[in-house]
Structures are given as C-alpha cells and as structure tokens.
Amino acid sequence: MIQAIAFYLFAAVVILSGAMTISSRNPVHSVMWLILAFFNAAGLMVLVGAEFIAMLLVIVYVGAVAVLFLFVVMMMDIDFTQLRTEVVRYAAIGLGLGGLLAVEVMIAAFAWNEGKVDLARRAAPIDATVPNIQALGQLLYSRYLFLFEAAGFVLLVAMIGAIVLTHRERPGTRAQKVARQVARRPQDATRNVKPAIGQGVEL
C-alpha cells in the first residue's frame, strides 16, 4: 500500500514539475522545477529497485547538469519579449517535432511488446541475491567492455575539443604572461614615500 502511495506521489510531482518547467516564464524557475523533477524521478527509480539510476539522477543531473543550467541561465541577459516572439515563430516546427517524437515513442512501445520473448532470451541472467550496482558493473566490464571504453574515448575527444576551443588564439586579445608576472619583484611594483604634512601624494 505504501509503495503505491509513494509511486503516485512521485509520479504526480514529476508530471507537475515537467509541466511547470516548460510553462514557467522565468528561466531560473524552470531550472528549479527541473531539479524537482529529477529528484522525484530518482524516487521512482528507487521504488523499482534501480538505485544506481537514482544515484545517477541525483549526482550527475542534479549535481552537475542542472546546476550548470542554473549558472548559465543566471549569467545570461535574456530578453523575455524577444524570447516569446521566437517561441511563437517556431511553434509550428516545435509541434511538428513533438508529434514526430510521440509517433516514435508509440512505435518503440509496439516493437517492445512484439519482441518481449526475444528480449527475454537475449537478456543477461541476473541473480536475485546480487545487488543492482554489482550486477550492472559485472555486465558493463565484461560483455560491454569495448563499448564502454569507446564511450569513454568519445567523451575524451569531446573534452579535448572543448579545451582546444577555449584556448584558441583570438586576434585583438592580450594573452597572460605567467613568467613575467612571477618574476616581478615587489620593489618594481610599489614605491614607499613619506610626504610632508599637507603635501599629498604624487601620482
């Protein structure tokens, strides 16, 4: 009974938070609603026994992605009037993409129902006494080791690309000279003077 109550509570809050995320006028409020949706989705994952996915939602999405969204939104100077104009302009395209996504979800659900038997035959057997995280780790580092390494390599390339783009040479900018700053002596930067009373300081 308590599990059903918790499920409906978490599910209702997730749906409400998702609706408020896309309907809030303030982007900061949208990010806050998104964080609430992530927390309640993590609660749903705990209810079904997927505690690893719940930890990923809290640590990765709430602790990193949502916080990054929040900082970016708060640092940007957003013109809300222009933003609403752009939303109205591309509303037809957004509705078309949303309809296409809904059709793809229905096709995926139909294919899932049709292939349940084959999926059960191909799925990796998991002992009921093994914890979720341990079973996932054993499967990830045995059967899917090369795919896991390939995903890590893709992320490494993306990180290197971001660093290269950040440190690229830009015309008209003054680069920092660390060696010159370190070699600077205090007596070269300051001058001790003792002016007379009423004389003031010469700049």
C-alpha atoms as a PDB file:
ATOM      1  CA  MET A   1       0.000   0.000   0.000  1.00  0.00           C
ATOM      2  CA  ILE A   2       2.740   2.437   0.962  1.00  0.00           C
ATOM      3  CA  GLN A   3       4.581   1.669  -2.277  1.00  0.00           C
ATOM      4  CA  ALA A   4       1.517   2.556  -4.373  1.00  0.00           C
ATOM      5  CA  ILE A   5       1.070   5.815  -2.451  1.00  0.00           C
ATOM      6  CA  ALA A   6       4.753   6.690  -2.922  1.00  0.00           C
ATOM      7  CA  PHE A   7       4.588   5.847  -6.642  1.00  0.00           C
ATOM      8  CA  TYR A   8       1.558   8.044  -7.315  1.00  0.00           C
ATOM      9  CA  LEU A   9       3.047  10.853  -5.229  1.00  0.00           C
ATOM     10  CA  PHE A  10       6.401  10.797  -7.052  1.00  0.00           C
ATOM     11  CA  ALA A  11       4.729  10.386 -10.460  1.00  0.00           C
ATOM     12  CA  ALA A  12       2.325  13.285  -9.852  1.00  0.00           C
ATOM     13  CA  VAL A  13       5.140  15.582  -8.750  1.00  0.00           C
ATOM     14  CA  VAL A  14       7.248  14.567 -11.780  1.00  0.00           C
ATOM     15  CA  ILE A  15       4.406  15.389 -14.175  1.00  0.00           C
ATOM     16  CA  LEU A  16       3.651  18.664 -12.407  1.00  0.00           C
ATOM     17  CA  SER A  17       7.330  19.651 -12.337  1.00  0.00           C
ATOM     18  CA  GLY A  18       7.741  18.841 -16.040  1.00  0.00           C
ATOM     19  CA  ALA A  19       4.709  20.951 -16.916  1.00  0.00           C
ATOM     20  CA  MET A  20       5.969  23.866 -14.807  1.00  0.00           C
ATOM     21  CA  THR A  21       9.440  23.549 -16.353  1.00  0.00           C
ATOM     22  CA  ILE A  22       8.145  24.292 -19.836  1.00  0.00           C
ATOM     23  CA  SER A  23       5.445  26.773 -18.785  1.00  0.00           C
ATOM     24  CA  SER A  24       7.339  28.990 -16.326  1.00  0.00           C
ATOM     25  CA  ARG A  25       8.052  32.490 -17.580  1.00  0.00           C
ATOM     26  CA  ASN A  26      11.266  32.814 -15.584  1.00  0.00           C
ATOM     27  CA  PRO A  27      14.103  30.520 -16.798  1.00  0.00           C
ATOM     28  CA  VAL A  28      15.541  30.282 -13.285  1.00  0.00           C
ATOM     29  CA  HIS A  29      12.215  28.956 -12.030  1.00  0.00           C
ATOM     30  CA  SER A  30      12.195  26.465 -14.915  1.00  0.00           C
ATOM     31  CA  VAL A  31      15.561  25.087 -13.801  1.00  0.00           C
ATOM     32  CA  MET A  32      14.303  24.813 -10.218  1.00  0.00           C
ATOM     33  CA  TRP A  33      11.266  22.845 -11.375  1.00  0.00           C
ATOM     34  CA  LEU A  34      13.582  20.655 -13.459  1.00  0.00           C
ATOM     35  CA  ILE A  35      15.676  19.865 -10.374  1.00  0.00           C
ATOM     36  CA  LEU A  36      12.498  18.907  -8.505  1.00  0.00           C
ATOM     37  CA  ALA A  37      11.534  16.613 -11.393  1.00  0.00           C
ATOM     38  CA  PHE A  38      14.948  14.925 -11.254  1.00  0.00           C
ATOM     39  CA  PHE A  39      14.646  14.292  -7.516  1.00  0.00           C
ATOM     40  CA  ASN A  40      11.210  12.724  -7.845  1.00  0.00           C
ATOM     41  CA  ALA A  41      12.311  10.657 -10.847  1.00  0.00           C
ATOM     42  CA  ALA A  42      15.124   9.353  -8.648  1.00  0.00           C
ATOM     43  CA  GLY A  43      12.485   8.385  -6.101  1.00  0.00           C
ATOM     44  CA  LEU A  44      10.635   6.412  -8.772  1.00  0.00           C
ATOM     45  CA  MET A  45      13.854   4.607  -9.699  1.00  0.00           C
ATOM     46  CA  VAL A  46      14.374   3.626  -6.053  1.00  0.00           C
ATOM     47  CA  LEU A  47      10.862   2.199  -5.940  1.00  0.00           C
ATOM     48  CA  VAL A  48      11.552  -0.133  -8.889  1.00  0.00           C
ATOM     49  CA  GLY A  49      14.901  -1.240  -7.448  1.00  0.00           C
ATOM     50  CA  ALA A  50      17.156   0.740  -9.802  1.00  0.00           C
ATOM     51  CA  GLU A  51      19.128   2.558  -7.129  1.00  0.00           C
ATOM     52  CA  PHE A  52      22.102   3.084  -9.447  1.00  0.00           C
ATOM     53  CA  ILE A  53      19.995   5.117 -11.891  1.00  0.00           C
ATOM     54  CA  ALA A  54      18.567   7.042  -8.929  1.00  0.00           C
ATOM     55  CA  MET A  55      22.082   7.969  -7.806  1.00  0.00           C
ATOM     56  CA  LEU A  56      22.960   8.994 -11.361  1.00  0.00           C
ATOM     57  CA  LEU A  57      19.934  11.293 -11.482  1.00  0.00           C
ATOM     58  CA  VAL A  58      20.877  12.968  -8.217  1.00  0.00           C
ATOM     59  CA  ILE A  59      24.654  13.133  -8.616  1.00  0.00           C
ATOM     60  CA  VAL A  60      25.022  13.742 -12.358  1.00  0.00           C
ATOM     61  CA  TYR A  61      21.842  15.512 -13.413  1.00  0.00           C
ATOM     62  CA  VAL A  62      21.045  17.482 -10.263  1.00  0.00           C
ATOM     63  CA  GLY A  63      24.609  17.957  -9.055  1.00  0.00           C
ATOM     64  CA  ALA A  64      26.154  18.836 -12.418  1.00  0.00           C
ATOM     65  CA  VAL A  65      23.806  19.334 -15.357  1.00  0.00           C
ATOM     66  CA  ALA A  66      21.014  21.224 -13.598  1.00  0.00           C
ATOM     67  CA  VAL A  67      23.483  23.386 -11.659  1.00  0.00           C
ATOM     68  CA  LEU A  68      25.254  24.190 -14.937  1.00  0.00           C
ATOM     69  CA  PHE A  69      21.910  25.147 -16.477  1.00  0.00           C
ATOM     70  CA  LEU A  70      21.197  27.351 -13.480  1.00  0.00           C
ATOM     71  CA  PHE A  71      24.520  29.190 -13.693  1.00  0.00           C
ATOM     72  CA  VAL A  72      24.209  29.687 -17.447  1.00  0.00           C
ATOM     73  CA  VAL A  73      20.648  30.987 -17.174  1.00  0.00           C
ATOM     74  CA  MET A  74      21.524  33.346 -14.322  1.00  0.00           C
ATOM     75  CA  MET A  75      24.588  34.705 -16.164  1.00  0.00           C
ATOM     76  CA  MET A  76      22.730  35.310 -19.427  1.00  0.00           C
ATOM     77  CA  ASP A  77      20.934  38.578 -20.097  1.00  0.00           C
ATOM     78  CA  ILE A  78      17.720  37.177 -21.548  1.00  0.00           C
ATOM     79  CA  ASP A  79      15.257  39.423 -23.347  1.00  0.00           C
ATOM     80  CA  PHE A  80      11.924  37.828 -22.472  1.00  0.00           C
ATOM     81  CA  THR A  81       9.998  39.788 -25.094  1.00  0.00           C
ATOM     82  CA  GLN A  82      12.231  38.533 -27.881  1.00  0.00           C
ATOM     83  CA  LEU A  83      12.154  35.038 -26.380  1.00  0.00           C
ATOM     84  CA  ARG A  84       8.346  34.915 -26.513  1.00  0.00           C
ATOM     85  CA  THR A  85       8.429  36.196 -30.097  1.00  0.00           C
ATOM     86  CA  GLU A  86      10.810  33.430 -31.114  1.00  0.00           C
ATOM     87  CA  VAL A  87       8.630  30.837 -29.384  1.00  0.00           C
ATOM     88  CA  VAL A  88       5.568  31.975 -31.321  1.00  0.00           C
ATOM     89  CA  ARG A  89       7.522  31.999 -34.572  1.00  0.00           C
ATOM     90  CA  TYR A  90       8.752  28.414 -34.236  1.00  0.00           C
ATOM     91  CA  ALA A  91       5.640  26.998 -32.550  1.00  0.00           C
ATOM     92  CA  ALA A  92       4.579  25.076 -35.674  1.00  0.00           C
ATOM     93  CA  ILE A  93       8.013  23.464 -36.003  1.00  0.00           C
ATOM     94  CA  GLY A  94       8.014  22.562 -32.311  1.00  0.00           C
ATOM     95  CA  LEU A  95       4.563  20.987 -32.527  1.00  0.00           C
ATOM     96  CA  GLY A  96       5.636  19.015 -35.600  1.00  0.00           C
ATOM     97  CA  LEU A  97       8.738  17.695 -33.855  1.00  0.00           C
ATOM     98  CA  GLY A  98       6.693  16.868 -30.760  1.00  0.00           C
ATOM     99  CA  GLY A  99       4.199  14.904 -32.845  1.00  0.00           C
ATOM    100  CA  LEU A 100       7.028  13.055 -34.576  1.00  0.00           C
ATOM    101  CA  LEU A 101       8.542  12.181 -31.195  1.00  0.00           C
ATOM    102  CA  ALA A 102       5.181  10.897 -29.950  1.00  0.00           C
ATOM    103  CA  VAL A 103       4.845   8.651 -33.012  1.00  0.00           C
ATOM    104  CA  GLU A 104       8.366   7.295 -32.462  1.00  0.00           C
ATOM    105  CA  VAL A 105       7.562   6.535 -28.818  1.00  0.00           C
ATOM    106  CA  MET A 106       4.426   4.621 -29.837  1.00  0.00           C
ATOM    107  CA  ILE A 107       6.370   2.674 -32.467  1.00  0.00           C
ATOM    108  CA  ALA A 108       9.049   1.849 -29.883  1.00  0.00           C
ATOM    109  CA  ALA A 109       6.398   0.663 -27.400  1.00  0.00           C
ATOM    110  CA  PHE A 110       4.790  -1.546 -30.077  1.00  0.00           C
ATOM    111  CA  ALA A 111       8.174  -3.012 -31.032  1.00  0.00           C
ATOM    112  CA  TRP A 112       8.957  -3.632 -27.370  1.00  0.00           C
ATOM    113  CA  ASN A 113       5.731  -5.586 -26.875  1.00  0.00           C
ATOM    114  CA  GLU A 114       6.350  -7.612 -30.032  1.00  0.00           C
ATOM    115  CA  GLY A 115       9.918  -8.504 -29.097  1.00  0.00           C
ATOM    116  CA  LYS A 116       9.469  -9.319 -25.417  1.00  0.00           C
ATOM    117  CA  VAL A 117      10.125 -13.018 -25.895  1.00  0.00           C
ATOM    118  CA  ASP A 118      13.292 -12.465 -27.908  1.00  0.00           C
ATOM    119  CA  LEU A 119      14.437  -9.790 -25.454  1.00  0.00           C
ATOM    120  CA  ALA A 120      13.971 -12.142 -22.511  1.00  0.00           C
ATOM    121  CA  ARG A 121      16.028 -14.777 -24.302  1.00  0.00           C
ATOM    122  CA  ARG A 122      18.859 -12.369 -25.081  1.00  0.00           C
ATOM    123  CA  ALA A 123      18.913 -10.585 -21.723  1.00  0.00           C
ATOM    124  CA  ALA A 124      21.748 -11.288 -19.340  1.00  0.00           C
ATOM    125  CA  PRO A 125      20.678 -13.503 -16.406  1.00  0.00           C
ATOM    126  CA  ILE A 126      20.940 -11.732 -13.052  1.00  0.00           C
ATOM    127  CA  ASP A 127      20.967 -13.468  -9.709  1.00  0.00           C
ATOM    128  CA  ALA A 128      18.311 -12.087  -7.373  1.00  0.00           C
ATOM    129  CA  THR A 129      20.790 -12.053  -4.485  1.00  0.00           C
ATOM    130  CA  VAL A 130      23.295  -9.830  -6.347  1.00  0.00           C
ATOM    131  CA  PRO A 131      22.875  -6.068  -5.751  1.00  0.00           C
ATOM    132  CA  ASN A 132      21.832  -3.913  -8.673  1.00  0.00           C
ATOM    133  CA  ILE A 133      25.094  -1.979  -8.888  1.00  0.00           C
ATOM    134  CA  GLN A 134      27.240  -5.112  -8.670  1.00  0.00           C
ATOM    135  CA  ALA A 135      25.273  -6.836 -11.435  1.00  0.00           C
ATOM    136  CA  LEU A 136      25.497  -3.752 -13.646  1.00  0.00           C
ATOM    137  CA  GLY A 137      29.242  -3.474 -13.059  1.00  0.00           C
ATOM    138  CA  GLN A 138      29.856  -7.136 -13.875  1.00  0.00           C
ATOM    139  CA  LEU A 139      27.876  -6.824 -17.117  1.00  0.00           C
ATOM    140  CA  LEU A 140      29.410  -3.492 -18.067  1.00  0.00           C
ATOM    141  CA  TYR A 141      33.031  -4.570 -17.567  1.00  0.00           C
ATOM    142  CA  SER A 142      32.652  -7.987 -19.166  1.00  0.00           C
ATOM    143  CA  ARG A 143      30.218  -8.170 -22.088  1.00  0.00           C
ATOM    144  CA  TYR A 144      30.139  -4.454 -22.913  1.00  0.00           C
ATOM    145  CA  LEU A 145      33.726  -3.550 -22.019  1.00  0.00           C
ATOM    146  CA  PHE A 146      34.748  -2.387 -25.503  1.00  0.00           C
ATOM    147  CA  LEU A 147      31.581  -0.310 -25.927  1.00  0.00           C
ATOM    148  CA  PHE A 148      32.205   1.250 -22.522  1.00  0.00           C
ATOM    149  CA  GLU A 149      35.778   2.097 -23.499  1.00  0.00           C
ATOM    150  CA  ALA A 150      34.562   3.542 -26.817  1.00  0.00           C
ATOM    151  CA  ALA A 151      32.096   5.780 -24.985  1.00  0.00           C
ATOM    152  CA  GLY A 152      34.890   6.971 -22.705  1.00  0.00           C
ATOM    153  CA  PHE A 153      37.069   7.706 -25.750  1.00  0.00           C
ATOM    154  CA  VAL A 154      34.274   9.784 -27.307  1.00  0.00           C
ATOM    155  CA  LEU A 155      33.941  11.794 -24.094  1.00  0.00           C
ATOM    156  CA  LEU A 156      37.726  12.260 -24.002  1.00  0.00           C
ATOM    157  CA  VAL A 157      37.716  13.624 -27.561  1.00  0.00           C
ATOM    158  CA  ALA A 158      34.862  15.985 -26.653  1.00  0.00           C
ATOM    159  CA  MET A 159      36.779  17.227 -23.603  1.00  0.00           C
ATOM    160  CA  ILE A 160      39.939  17.834 -25.627  1.00  0.00           C
ATOM    161  CA  GLY A 161      37.897  19.669 -28.268  1.00  0.00           C
ATOM    162  CA  ALA A 162      36.354  21.932 -25.630  1.00  0.00           C
ATOM    163  CA  ILE A 163      39.809  22.723 -24.202  1.00  0.00           C
ATOM    164  CA  VAL A 164      41.202  23.480 -27.681  1.00  0.00           C
ATOM    165  CA  LEU A 165      38.285  25.784 -28.482  1.00  0.00           C
ATOM    166  CA  THR A 166      38.715  27.579 -25.163  1.00  0.00           C
ATOM    167  CA  HIS A 167      42.456  28.170 -25.606  1.00  0.00           C
ATOM    168  CA  ARG A 168      42.439  29.057 -29.298  1.00  0.00           C
ATOM    169  CA  GLU A 169      44.215  32.215 -30.427  1.00  0.00           C
ATOM    170  CA  ARG A 170      41.908  35.212 -30.820  1.00  0.00           C
ATOM    171  CA  PRO A 171      43.003  38.373 -32.628  1.00  0.00           C
ATOM    172  CA  GLY A 172      42.983  41.551 -30.582  1.00  0.00           C
ATOM    173  CA  THR A 173      43.334  39.885 -27.178  1.00  0.00           C
ATOM    174  CA  ARG A 174      46.225  40.166 -24.736  1.00  0.00           C
ATOM    175  CA  ALA A 175      47.485  36.820 -23.507  1.00  0.00           C
ATOM    176  CA  GLN A 176      48.588  36.308 -19.929  1.00  0.00           C
ATOM    177  CA  LYS A 177      52.377  36.128 -19.437  1.00  0.00           C
ATOM    178  CA  VAL A 178      52.808  33.999 -16.353  1.00  0.00           C
ATOM    179  CA  ALA A 179      56.624  34.011 -16.296  1.00  0.00           C
ATOM    180  CA  ARG A 180      56.716  37.810 -16.384  1.00  0.00           C
ATOM    181  CA  GLN A 181      54.204  38.018 -13.544  1.00  0.00           C
ATOM    182  CA  VAL A 182      56.120  35.538 -11.405  1.00  0.00           C
ATOM    183  CA  ALA A 183      59.453  37.312 -11.996  1.00  0.00           C
ATOM    184  CA  ARG A 184      58.062  40.683 -10.927  1.00  0.00           C
ATOM    185  CA  ARG A 185      59.583  41.969  -7.674  1.00  0.00           C
ATOM    186  CA  PRO A 186      57.681  43.925  -5.014  1.00  0.00           C
ATOM    187  CA  GLN A 187      60.036  46.903  -5.318  1.00  0.00           C
ATOM    188  CA  ASP A 188      59.220  47.142  -9.023  1.00  0.00           C
ATOM    189  CA  ALA A 189      55.506  47.415  -8.340  1.00  0.00           C
ATOM    190  CA  THR A 190      55.388  49.643  -5.255  1.00  0.00           C
ATOM    191  CA  ARG A 191      57.151  52.793  -4.102  1.00  0.00           C
ATOM    192  CA  ASN A 192      57.441  53.830  -0.461  1.00  0.00           C
ATOM    193  CA  VAL A 193      57.203  57.588   0.053  1.00  0.00           C
ATOM    194  CA  LYS A 194      56.919  59.795   3.095  1.00  0.00           C
ATOM    195  CA  PRO A 195      55.211  63.022   2.070  1.00  0.00           C
ATOM    196  CA  ALA A 196      55.273  66.070   4.288  1.00  0.00           C
ATOM    197  CA  ILE A 197      52.203  67.174   6.124  1.00  0.00           C
ATOM    198  CA  GLY A 198      49.799  68.865   3.719  1.00  0.00           C
ATOM    199  CA  GLN A 199      51.839  67.901   0.634  1.00  0.00           C
ATOM    200  CA  GLY A 200      49.724  64.992  -0.603  1.00  0.00           C
ATOM    201  CA  VAL A 201      50.782  62.108  -2.765  1.00  0.00           C
ATOM    202  CA  GLU A 202      52.235  62.492  -6.261  1.00  0.00           C
ATOM    203  CA  LEU A 203      50.810  60.098  -8.830  1.00  0.00           C
END
